[in-house]
Amino acid sequence: TYYVNNNVEADYQGSPAARIRKRKKDSFRNTNSLNYD
């Protein structure tokens, strides 16, 4: 791949590499309503 031949430190060029990404999103919703006829 282009990445391991150009975008890594010189000592590791040509060797496999990895990027491990974890994204987490927590959402909380609280709704209260009062109806009167």
PDB file of all heavy atoms in Angstrom:
ATOM      1  N   THR A   1       0.824  -1.206   0.000  1.00  0.00           N
ATOM      2  CA  THR A   1       0.000   0.000   0.000  1.00  0.00           C
ATOM      3  C   THR A   1       0.858   1.257   0.000  1.00  0.00           C
ATOM      4  O   THR A   1       2.006   1.268   0.448  1.00  0.00           O
ATOM      5  CB  THR A   1      -0.933   0.025   1.227  1.00  0.00           C
ATOM      6  OG1 THR A   1      -0.138  -0.014   2.415  1.00  0.00           O
ATOM      7  CG2 THR A   1      -1.888  -1.155   1.211  1.00  0.00           C
ATOM      8  N   TYR A   2       0.250   2.330  -0.500  1.00  0.00           N
ATOM      9  CA  TYR A   2       0.924   3.623  -0.538  1.00  0.00           C
ATOM     10  C   TYR A   2       1.268   4.089   0.873  1.00  0.00           C
ATOM     11  O   TYR A   2       2.327   4.672   1.111  1.00  0.00           O
ATOM     12  CB  TYR A   2       0.015   4.645  -1.226  1.00  0.00           C
ATOM     13  CG  TYR A   2       0.586   6.044  -1.294  1.00  0.00           C
ATOM     14  CD1 TYR A   2       1.375   6.438  -2.370  1.00  0.00           C
ATOM     15  CD2 TYR A   2       0.339   6.979  -0.283  1.00  0.00           C
ATOM     16  CE1 TYR A   2       1.904   7.721  -2.437  1.00  0.00           C
ATOM     17  CE2 TYR A   2       0.867   8.249  -0.334  1.00  0.00           C
ATOM     18  CZ  TYR A   2       1.651   8.618  -1.427  1.00  0.00           C
ATOM     19  OH  TYR A   2       2.188   9.883  -1.482  1.00  0.00           O
ATOM     20  N   TYR A   3       0.371   3.828   1.813  1.00  0.00           N
ATOM     21  CA  TYR A   3       0.549   4.327   3.187  1.00  0.00           C
ATOM     22  C   TYR A   3       1.849   3.815   3.805  1.00  0.00           C
ATOM     23  O   TYR A   3       2.634   4.607   4.351  1.00  0.00           O
ATOM     24  CB  TYR A   3      -0.660   3.912   4.033  1.00  0.00           C
ATOM     25  CG  TYR A   3      -0.558   4.344   5.470  1.00  0.00           C
ATOM     26  CD1 TYR A   3      -0.967   5.611   5.863  1.00  0.00           C
ATOM     27  CD2 TYR A   3      -0.056   3.482   6.445  1.00  0.00           C
ATOM     28  CE1 TYR A   3      -0.867   6.016   7.192  1.00  0.00           C
ATOM     29  CE2 TYR A   3       0.046   3.881   7.776  1.00  0.00           C
ATOM     30  CZ  TYR A   3      -0.361   5.151   8.143  1.00  0.00           C
ATOM     31  OH  TYR A   3      -0.258   5.553   9.453  1.00  0.00           O
ATOM     32  N   VAL A   4       2.109   2.527   3.756  1.00  0.00           N
ATOM     33  CA  VAL A   4       3.277   1.983   4.445  1.00  0.00           C
ATOM     34  C   VAL A   4       4.568   2.281   3.690  1.00  0.00           C
ATOM     35  O   VAL A   4       5.660   2.098   4.245  1.00  0.00           O
ATOM     36  CB  VAL A   4       3.146   0.461   4.679  1.00  0.00           C
ATOM     37  CG1 VAL A   4       1.915   0.149   5.489  1.00  0.00           C
ATOM     38  CG2 VAL A   4       3.142  -0.298   3.366  1.00  0.00           C
ATOM     39  N   ASN A   5       4.470   2.728   2.471  1.00  0.00           N
ATOM     40  CA  ASN A   5       5.677   3.081   1.724  1.00  0.00           C
ATOM     41  C   ASN A   5       5.983   4.576   1.760  1.00  0.00           C
ATOM     42  O   ASN A   5       7.061   4.992   1.325  1.00  0.00           O
ATOM     43  CB  ASN A   5       5.551   2.617   0.268  1.00  0.00           C
ATOM     44  CG  ASN A   5       5.648   1.115   0.138  1.00  0.00           C
ATOM     45  OD1 ASN A   5       6.671   0.524   0.450  1.00  0.00           O
ATOM     46  ND2 ASN A   5       4.566   0.486  -0.298  1.00  0.00           N
ATOM     47  N   ASN A   6       5.036   5.381   2.289  1.00  0.00           N
ATOM     48  CA  ASN A   6       5.234   6.826   2.265  1.00  0.00           C
ATOM     49  C   ASN A   6       4.883   7.538   3.564  1.00  0.00           C
ATOM     50  O   ASN A   6       5.449   8.594   3.854  1.00  0.00           O
ATOM     51  CB  ASN A   6       4.404   7.453   1.129  1.00  0.00           C
ATOM     52  CG  ASN A   6       4.849   7.010  -0.244  1.00  0.00           C
ATOM     53  OD1 ASN A   6       5.742   7.601  -0.838  1.00  0.00           O
ATOM     54  ND2 ASN A   6       4.223   5.965  -0.765  1.00  0.00           N
ATOM     55  N   ASN A   7       3.957   7.002   4.340  1.00  0.00           N
ATOM     56  CA  ASN A   7       3.426   7.746   5.484  1.00  0.00           C
ATOM     57  C   ASN A   7       3.792   7.145   6.832  1.00  0.00           C
ATOM     58  O   ASN A   7       3.101   7.387   7.821  1.00  0.00           O
ATOM     59  CB  ASN A   7       1.894   7.848   5.388  1.00  0.00           C
ATOM     60  CG  ASN A   7       1.452   8.731   4.243  1.00  0.00           C
ATOM     61  OD1 ASN A   7       2.263   9.375   3.600  1.00  0.00           O
ATOM     62  ND2 ASN A   7       0.159   8.775   3.993  1.00  0.00           N
ATOM     63  N   VAL A   8       4.834   6.351   6.904  1.00  0.00           N
ATOM     64  CA  VAL A   8       5.257   5.774   8.174  1.00  0.00           C
ATOM     65  C   VAL A   8       6.712   6.158   8.438  1.00  0.00           C
ATOM     66  O   VAL A   8       7.398   6.687   7.569  1.00  0.00           O
ATOM     67  CB  VAL A   8       5.100   4.231   8.180  1.00  0.00           C
ATOM     68  CG1 VAL A   8       3.653   3.839   7.952  1.00  0.00           C
ATOM     69  CG2 VAL A   8       6.002   3.595   7.117  1.00  0.00           C
ATOM     70  N   GLU A   9       7.148   5.908   9.662  1.00  0.00           N
ATOM     71  CA  GLU A   9       8.545   6.190   9.988  1.00  0.00           C
ATOM     72  C   GLU A   9       9.475   5.370   9.100  1.00  0.00           C
ATOM     73  O   GLU A   9       9.135   4.256   8.676  1.00  0.00           O
ATOM     74  CB  GLU A   9       8.797   5.884  11.459  1.00  0.00           C
ATOM     75  CG  GLU A   9       8.060   6.816  12.409  1.00  0.00           C
ATOM     76  CD  GLU A   9       8.411   6.550  13.848  1.00  0.00           C
ATOM     77  OE1 GLU A   9       9.226   5.631  14.094  1.00  0.00           O
ATOM     78  OE2 GLU A   9       7.887   7.253  14.734  1.00  0.00           O
ATOM     79  N   ALA A  10      10.659   5.899   8.844  1.00  0.00           N
ATOM     80  CA  ALA A  10      11.586   5.279   7.895  1.00  0.00           C
ATOM     81  C   ALA A  10      11.908   3.831   8.259  1.00  0.00           C
ATOM     82  O   ALA A  10      12.013   2.967   7.376  1.00  0.00           O
ATOM     83  CB  ALA A  10      12.860   6.107   7.812  1.00  0.00           C
ATOM     84  N   ASP A  11      12.031   3.537   9.557  1.00  0.00           N
ATOM     85  CA  ASP A  11      12.396   2.176   9.980  1.00  0.00           C
ATOM     86  C   ASP A  11      11.296   1.164   9.687  1.00  0.00           C
ATOM     87  O   ASP A  11      11.568  -0.042   9.664  1.00  0.00           O
ATOM     88  CB  ASP A  11      12.714   2.163  11.477  1.00  0.00           C
ATOM     89  CG  ASP A  11      13.979   2.942  11.803  1.00  0.00           C
ATOM     90  OD1 ASP A  11      14.766   3.187  10.871  1.00  0.00           O
ATOM     91  OD2 ASP A  11      14.154   3.318  12.983  1.00  0.00           O
ATOM     92  N   TYR A  12      10.058   1.642   9.496  1.00  0.00           N
ATOM     93  CA  TYR A  12       8.933   0.723   9.335  1.00  0.00           C
ATOM     94  C   TYR A  12       8.344   0.735   7.923  1.00  0.00           C
ATOM     95  O   TYR A  12       7.292   0.141   7.682  1.00  0.00           O
ATOM     96  CB  TYR A  12       7.827   1.072  10.332  1.00  0.00           C
ATOM     97  CG  TYR A  12       8.302   1.130  11.760  1.00  0.00           C
ATOM     98  CD1 TYR A  12       7.949   2.194  12.593  1.00  0.00           C
ATOM     99  CD2 TYR A  12       9.119   0.127  12.275  1.00  0.00           C
ATOM    100  CE1 TYR A  12       8.390   2.250  13.901  1.00  0.00           C
ATOM    101  CE2 TYR A  12       9.571   0.180  13.582  1.00  0.00           C
ATOM    102  CZ  TYR A  12       9.200   1.249  14.389  1.00  0.00           C
ATOM    103  OH  TYR A  12       9.652   1.300  15.682  1.00  0.00           O
ATOM    104  N   GLN A  13       9.012   1.428   7.015  1.00  0.00           N
ATOM    105  CA  GLN A  13       8.491   1.465   5.650  1.00  0.00           C
ATOM    106  C   GLN A  13       8.478   0.065   5.039  1.00  0.00           C
ATOM    107  O   GLN A  13       9.442  -0.690   5.166  1.00  0.00           O
ATOM    108  CB  GLN A  13       9.325   2.406   4.787  1.00  0.00           C
ATOM    109  CG  GLN A  13       9.073   3.877   5.086  1.00  0.00           C
ATOM    110  CD  GLN A  13       9.784   4.798   4.116  1.00  0.00           C
ATOM    111  OE1 GLN A  13      10.534   4.345   3.250  1.00  0.00           O
ATOM    112  NE2 GLN A  13       9.564   6.099   4.257  1.00  0.00           N
ATOM    113  N   GLY A  14       7.384  -0.250   4.376  1.00  0.00           N
ATOM    114  CA  GLY A  14       7.225  -1.558   3.757  1.00  0.00           C
ATOM    115  C   GLY A  14       6.682  -2.624   4.676  1.00  0.00           C
ATOM    116  O   GLY A  14       6.421  -3.754   4.235  1.00  0.00           O
ATOM    117  N   SER A  15       6.493  -2.313   5.961  1.00  0.00           N
ATOM    118  CA  SER A  15       5.935  -3.270   6.924  1.00  0.00           C
ATOM    119  C   SER A  15       4.461  -2.958   7.158  1.00  0.00           C
ATOM    120  O   SER A  15       4.044  -1.795   7.086  1.00  0.00           O
ATOM    121  CB  SER A  15       6.689  -3.196   8.254  1.00  0.00           C
ATOM    122  OG  SER A  15       8.054  -3.554   8.065  1.00  0.00           O
ATOM    123  N   PRO A  16       3.644  -3.965   7.456  1.00  0.00           N
ATOM    124  CA  PRO A  16       2.214  -3.733   7.676  1.00  0.00           C
ATOM    125  C   PRO A  16       1.964  -2.728   8.799  1.00  0.00           C
ATOM    126  O   PRO A  16       2.750  -2.601   9.745  1.00  0.00           O
ATOM    127  CB  PRO A  16       1.677  -5.121   8.041  1.00  0.00           C
ATOM    128  CG  PRO A  16       2.643  -6.076   7.420  1.00  0.00           C
ATOM    129  CD  PRO A  16       3.986  -5.406   7.513  1.00  0.00           C
ATOM    130  N   ALA A  17       0.851  -2.019   8.673  1.00  0.00           N
ATOM    131  CA  ALA A  17       0.455  -1.034   9.678  1.00  0.00           C
ATOM    132  C   ALA A  17      -1.066  -1.101   9.849  1.00  0.00           C
ATOM    133  O   ALA A  17      -1.776  -1.721   9.058  1.00  0.00           O
ATOM    134  CB  ALA A  17       0.895   0.369   9.259  1.00  0.00           C
ATOM    135  N   ALA A  18      -1.550  -0.458  10.903  1.00  0.00           N
ATOM    136  CA  ALA A  18      -2.984  -0.479  11.191  1.00  0.00           C
ATOM    137  C   ALA A  18      -3.405   0.822  11.836  1.00  0.00           C
ATOM    138  O   ALA A  18      -2.620   1.478  12.535  1.00  0.00           O
ATOM    139  CB  ALA A  18      -3.338  -1.650  12.106  1.00  0.00           C
ATOM    140  N   ARG A  19      -4.648   1.175  11.572  1.00  0.00           N
ATOM    141  CA  ARG A  19      -5.293   2.271  12.287  1.00  0.00           C
ATOM    142  C   ARG A  19      -6.580   1.722  12.872  1.00  0.00           C
ATOM    143  O   ARG A  19      -7.450   1.242  12.143  1.00  0.00           O
ATOM    144  CB  ARG A  19      -5.599   3.461  11.377  1.00  0.00           C
ATOM    145  CG  ARG A  19      -6.124   4.658  12.166  1.00  0.00           C
ATOM    146  CD  ARG A  19      -6.397   5.844  11.276  1.00  0.00           C
ATOM    147  NE  ARG A  19      -7.562   5.622  10.438  1.00  0.00           N
ATOM    148  CZ  ARG A  19      -8.027   6.510   9.562  1.00  0.00           C
ATOM    149  NH1 ARG A  19      -7.390   7.650   9.390  1.00  0.00           N
ATOM    150  NH2 ARG A  19      -9.087   6.245   8.831  1.00  0.00           N
ATOM    151  N   ILE A  20      -6.724   1.798  14.180  1.00  0.00           N
ATOM    152  CA  ILE A  20      -7.888   1.255  14.878  1.00  0.00           C
ATOM    153  C   ILE A  20      -8.625   2.421  15.518  1.00  0.00           C
ATOM    154  O   ILE A  20      -8.093   3.100  16.391  1.00  0.00           O
ATOM    155  CB  ILE A  20      -7.450   0.227  15.946  1.00  0.00           C
ATOM    156  CG1 ILE A  20      -6.652  -0.901  15.283  1.00  0.00           C
ATOM    157  CG2 ILE A  20      -8.666  -0.331  16.676  1.00  0.00           C
ATOM    158  CD1 ILE A  20      -6.031  -1.862  16.277  1.00  0.00           C
ATOM    159  N   ARG A  21      -9.837   2.632  15.045  1.00  0.00           N
ATOM    160  CA  ARG A  21     -10.603   3.795  15.504  1.00  0.00           C
ATOM    161  C   ARG A  21     -11.933   3.338  16.083  1.00  0.00           C
ATOM    162  O   ARG A  21     -12.650   2.538  15.475  1.00  0.00           O
ATOM    163  CB  ARG A  21     -10.837   4.764  14.348  1.00  0.00           C
ATOM    164  CG  ARG A  21     -11.748   5.944  14.685  1.00  0.00           C
ATOM    165  CD  ARG A  21     -11.925   6.860  13.503  1.00  0.00           C
ATOM    166  NE  ARG A  21     -10.676   7.524  13.155  1.00  0.00           N
ATOM    167  CZ  ARG A  21     -10.525   8.282  12.067  1.00  0.00           C
ATOM    168  NH1 ARG A  21     -11.513   8.434  11.214  1.00  0.00           N
ATOM    169  NH2 ARG A  21      -9.360   8.851  11.820  1.00  0.00           N
ATOM    170  N   LYS A  22     -12.284   3.871  17.250  1.00  0.00           N
ATOM    171  CA  LYS A  22     -13.578   3.602  17.870  1.00  0.00           C
ATOM    172  C   LYS A  22     -14.225   4.925  18.232  1.00  0.00           C
ATOM    173  O   LYS A  22     -13.630   5.751  18.925  1.00  0.00           O
ATOM    174  CB  LYS A  22     -13.413   2.736  19.133  1.00  0.00           C
ATOM    175  CG  LYS A  22     -12.889   1.329  18.841  1.00  0.00           C
ATOM    176  CD  LYS A  22     -12.848   0.472  20.090  1.00  0.00           C
ATOM    177  CE  LYS A  22     -12.258  -0.898  19.814  1.00  0.00           C
ATOM    178  NZ  LYS A  22     -13.050  -1.680  18.851  1.00  0.00           N
ATOM    179  N   ARG A  23     -15.441   5.085  17.754  1.00  0.00           N
ATOM    180  CA  ARG A  23     -16.186   6.312  18.018  1.00  0.00           C
ATOM    181  C   ARG A  23     -17.452   5.957  18.789  1.00  0.00           C
ATOM    182  O   ARG A  23     -18.165   5.025  18.432  1.00  0.00           O
ATOM    183  CB  ARG A  23     -16.549   6.998  16.704  1.00  0.00           C
ATOM    184  CG  ARG A  23     -17.261   8.326  16.863  1.00  0.00           C
ATOM    185  CD  ARG A  23     -17.658   8.886  15.502  1.00  0.00           C
ATOM    186  NE  ARG A  23     -16.500   8.947  14.617  1.00  0.00           N
ATOM    187  CZ  ARG A  23     -16.594   8.859  13.292  1.00  0.00           C
ATOM    188  NH1 ARG A  23     -17.748   8.659  12.706  1.00  0.00           N
ATOM    189  NH2 ARG A  23     -15.493   8.941  12.550  1.00  0.00           N
ATOM    190  N   LYS A  24     -17.716   6.703  19.832  1.00  0.00           N
ATOM    191  CA  LYS A  24     -18.876   6.427  20.676  1.00  0.00           C
ATOM    192  C   LYS A  24     -19.668   7.708  20.891  1.00  0.00           C
ATOM    193  O   LYS A  24     -19.096   8.777  21.141  1.00  0.00           O
ATOM    194  CB  LYS A  24     -18.435   5.855  22.023  1.00  0.00           C
ATOM    195  CG  LYS A  24     -19.597   5.442  22.916  1.00  0.00           C
ATOM    196  CD  LYS A  24     -19.094   4.849  24.234  1.00  0.00           C
ATOM    197  CE  LYS A  24     -20.268   4.413  25.106  1.00  0.00           C
ATOM    198  NZ  LYS A  24     -19.825   3.864  26.402  1.00  0.00           N
ATOM    199  N   LYS A  25     -20.986   7.581  20.787  1.00  0.00           N
ATOM    200  CA  LYS A  25     -21.870   8.719  21.015  1.00  0.00           C
ATOM    201  C   LYS A  25     -23.028   8.266  21.886  1.00  0.00           C
ATOM    202  O   LYS A  25     -23.744   7.318  21.554  1.00  0.00           O
ATOM    203  CB  LYS A  25     -22.393   9.284  19.695  1.00  0.00           C
ATOM    204  CG  LYS A  25     -23.284  10.504  19.866  1.00  0.00           C
ATOM    205  CD  LYS A  25     -23.719  11.066  18.524  1.00  0.00           C
ATOM    206  CE  LYS A  25     -24.588  12.305  18.712  1.00  0.00           C
ATOM    207  NZ  LYS A  25     -25.027  12.870  17.400  1.00  0.00           N
ATOM    208  N   ASP A  26     -23.211   8.942  23.007  1.00  0.00           N
ATOM    209  CA  ASP A  26     -24.322   8.670  23.924  1.00  0.00           C
ATOM    210  C   ASP A  26     -25.276   9.856  23.899  1.00  0.00           C
ATOM    211  O   ASP A  26     -24.843  11.012  24.071  1.00  0.00           O
ATOM    212  CB  ASP A  26     -23.822   8.442  25.350  1.00  0.00           C
ATOM    213  CG  ASP A  26     -22.992   7.175  25.471  1.00  0.00           C
ATOM    214  OD1 ASP A  26     -23.346   6.181  24.816  1.00  0.00           O
ATOM    215  OD2 ASP A  26     -21.985   7.191  26.207  1.00  0.00           O
ATOM    216  N   SER A  27     -26.544   9.562  23.684  1.00  0.00           N
ATOM    217  CA  SER A  27     -27.563  10.613  23.623  1.00  0.00           C
ATOM    218  C   SER A  27     -28.638  10.345  24.662  1.00  0.00           C
ATOM    219  O   SER A  27     -29.062   9.195  24.857  1.00  0.00           O
ATOM    220  CB  SER A  27     -28.199  10.670  22.225  1.00  0.00           C
ATOM    221  OG  SER A  27     -27.235  10.932  21.242  1.00  0.00           O
ATOM    222  N   PHE A  28     -29.054  11.408  25.324  1.00  0.00           N
ATOM    223  CA  PHE A  28     -30.112  11.316  26.326  1.00  0.00           C
ATOM    224  C   PHE A  28     -31.205  12.305  25.961  1.00  0.00           C
ATOM    225  O   PHE A  28     -30.935  13.464  25.621  1.00  0.00           O
ATOM    226  CB  PHE A  28     -29.565  11.628  27.713  1.00  0.00           C
ATOM    227  CG  PHE A  28     -30.622  11.691  28.782  1.00  0.00           C
ATOM    228  CD1 PHE A  28     -31.166  10.534  29.303  1.00  0.00           C
ATOM    229  CD2 PHE A  28     -31.078  12.917  29.242  1.00  0.00           C
ATOM    230  CE1 PHE A  28     -32.155  10.588  30.285  1.00  0.00           C
ATOM    231  CE2 PHE A  28     -32.051  12.989  30.226  1.00  0.00           C
ATOM    232  CZ  PHE A  28     -32.594  11.811  30.740  1.00  0.00           C
ATOM    233  N   ARG A  29     -32.446  11.835  26.014  1.00  0.00           N
ATOM    234  CA  ARG A  29     -33.578  12.701  25.691  1.00  0.00           C
ATOM    235  C   ARG A  29     -34.663  12.515  26.742  1.00  0.00           C
ATOM    236  O   ARG A  29     -35.072  11.393  27.038  1.00  0.00           O
ATOM    237  CB  ARG A  29     -34.137  12.365  24.308  1.00  0.00           C
ATOM    238  CG  ARG A  29     -35.329  13.221  23.902  1.00  0.00           C
ATOM    239  CD  ARG A  29     -35.701  12.967  22.468  1.00  0.00           C
ATOM    240  NE  ARG A  29     -36.747  13.865  22.013  1.00  0.00           N
ATOM    241  CZ  ARG A  29     -37.123  13.984  20.740  1.00  0.00           C
ATOM    242  NH1 ARG A  29     -36.528  13.258  19.808  1.00  0.00           N
ATOM    243  NH2 ARG A  29     -38.079  14.824  20.414  1.00  0.00           N
ATOM    244  N   ASN A  30     -35.108  13.634  27.291  1.00  0.00           N
ATOM    245  CA  ASN A  30     -36.185  13.610  28.275  1.00  0.00           C
ATOM    246  C   ASN A  30     -37.239  14.630  27.862  1.00  0.00           C
ATOM    247  O   ASN A  30     -36.947  15.815  27.732  1.00  0.00           O
ATOM    248  CB  ASN A  30     -35.635  13.944  29.672  1.00  0.00           C
ATOM    249  CG  ASN A  30     -36.735  14.022  30.711  1.00  0.00           C
ATOM    250  OD1 ASN A  30     -37.185  15.122  31.050  1.00  0.00           O
ATOM    251  ND2 ASN A  30     -37.167  12.882  31.218  1.00  0.00           N
ATOM    252  N   THR A  31     -38.469  14.159  27.643  1.00  0.00           N
ATOM    253  CA  THR A  31     -39.560  15.023  27.209  1.00  0.00           C
ATOM    254  C   THR A  31     -40.750  14.841  28.134  1.00  0.00           C
ATOM    255  O   THR A  31     -41.151  13.708  28.436  1.00  0.00           O
ATOM    256  CB  THR A  31     -39.981  14.693  25.763  1.00  0.00           C
ATOM    257  OG1 THR A  31     -38.848  14.786  24.905  1.00  0.00           O
ATOM    258  CG2 THR A  31     -41.047  15.658  25.281  1.00  0.00           C
ATOM    259  N   ASN A  32     -41.310  15.940  28.584  1.00  0.00           N
ATOM    260  CA  ASN A  32     -42.497  15.920  29.434  1.00  0.00           C
ATOM    261  C   ASN A  32     -43.509  16.914  28.885  1.00  0.00           C
ATOM    262  O   ASN A  32     -43.152  18.059  28.555  1.00  0.00           O
ATOM    263  CB  ASN A  32     -42.150  16.302  30.880  1.00  0.00           C
ATOM    264  CG  ASN A  32     -41.120  15.368  31.492  1.00  0.00           C
ATOM    265  OD1 ASN A  32     -41.439  14.259  31.876  1.00  0.00           O
ATOM    266  ND2 ASN A  32     -39.872  15.825  31.556  1.00  0.00           N
ATOM    267  N   SER A  33     -44.744  16.492  28.755  1.00  0.00           N
ATOM    268  CA  SER A  33     -45.785  17.386  28.246  1.00  0.00           C
ATOM    269  C   SER A  33     -47.087  17.157  29.001  1.00  0.00           C
ATOM    270  O   SER A  33     -47.342  16.070  29.534  1.00  0.00           O
ATOM    271  CB  SER A  33     -46.007  17.156  26.747  1.00  0.00           C
ATOM    272  OG  SER A  33     -46.456  15.834  26.504  1.00  0.00           O
ATOM    273  N   LEU A  34     -47.896  18.203  29.032  1.00  0.00           N
ATOM    274  CA  LEU A  34     -49.196  18.163  29.691  1.00  0.00           C
ATOM    275  C   LEU A  34     -50.237  18.702  28.725  1.00  0.00           C
ATOM    276  O   LEU A  34     -50.102  19.825  28.211  1.00  0.00           O
ATOM    277  CB  LEU A  34     -49.170  19.013  30.971  1.00  0.00           C
ATOM    278  CG  LEU A  34     -50.506  19.172  31.708  1.00  0.00           C
ATOM    279  CD1 LEU A  34     -50.983  17.818  32.244  1.00  0.00           C
ATOM    280  CD2 LEU A  34     -50.370  20.183  32.846  1.00  0.00           C
ATOM    281  N   ASN A  35     -51.263  17.891  28.445  1.00  0.00           N
ATOM    282  CA  ASN A  35     -52.362  18.281  27.569  1.00  0.00           C
ATOM    283  C   ASN A  35     -53.629  18.445  28.396  1.00  0.00           C
ATOM    284  O   ASN A  35     -53.892  17.637  29.309  1.00  0.00           O
ATOM    285  CB  ASN A  35     -52.615  17.200  26.505  1.00  0.00           C
ATOM    286  CG  ASN A  35     -51.481  17.104  25.509  1.00  0.00           C
ATOM    287  OD1 ASN A  35     -51.433  17.830  24.536  1.00  0.00           O
ATOM    288  ND2 ASN A  35     -50.556  16.184  25.765  1.00  0.00           N
ATOM    289  N   TYR A  36     -54.408  19.472  28.062  1.00  0.00           N
ATOM    290  CA  TYR A  36     -55.685  19.645  28.748  1.00  0.00           C
ATOM    291  C   TYR A  36     -56.732  20.152  27.759  1.00  0.00           C
ATOM    292  O   TYR A  36     -56.491  21.107  27.014  1.00  0.00           O
ATOM    293  CB  TYR A  36     -55.563  20.626  29.908  1.00  0.00           C
ATOM    294  CG  TYR A  36     -56.789  20.628  30.787  1.00  0.00           C
ATOM    295  CD1 TYR A  36     -57.001  19.614  31.720  1.00  0.00           C
ATOM    296  CD2 TYR A  36     -57.749  21.637  30.670  1.00  0.00           C
ATOM    297  CE1 TYR A  36     -58.132  19.593  32.521  1.00  0.00           C
ATOM    298  CE2 TYR A  36     -58.877  21.632  31.472  1.00  0.00           C
ATOM    299  CZ  TYR A  36     -59.073  20.604  32.389  1.00  0.00           C
ATOM    300  OH  TYR A  36     -60.195  20.583  33.165  1.00  0.00           O
ATOM    301  N   ASP A  37     -57.878  19.467  27.747  1.00  0.00           N
ATOM    302  CA  ASP A  37     -59.019  19.844  26.918  1.00  0.00           C
ATOM    303  C   ASP A  37     -60.063  20.488  27.828  1.00  0.00           C
ATOM    304  O   ASP A  37     -60.542  19.858  28.782  1.00  0.00           O
ATOM    305  CB  ASP A  37     -59.586  18.603  26.227  1.00  0.00           C
ATOM    306  CG  ASP A  37     -60.597  18.960  25.156  1.00  0.00           C
ATOM    307  OD1 ASP A  37     -61.173  20.066  25.233  1.00  0.00           O
ATOM    308  OD2 ASP A  37     -60.833  18.121  24.255  1.00  0.00           O
TER     309      ASP A  37
END
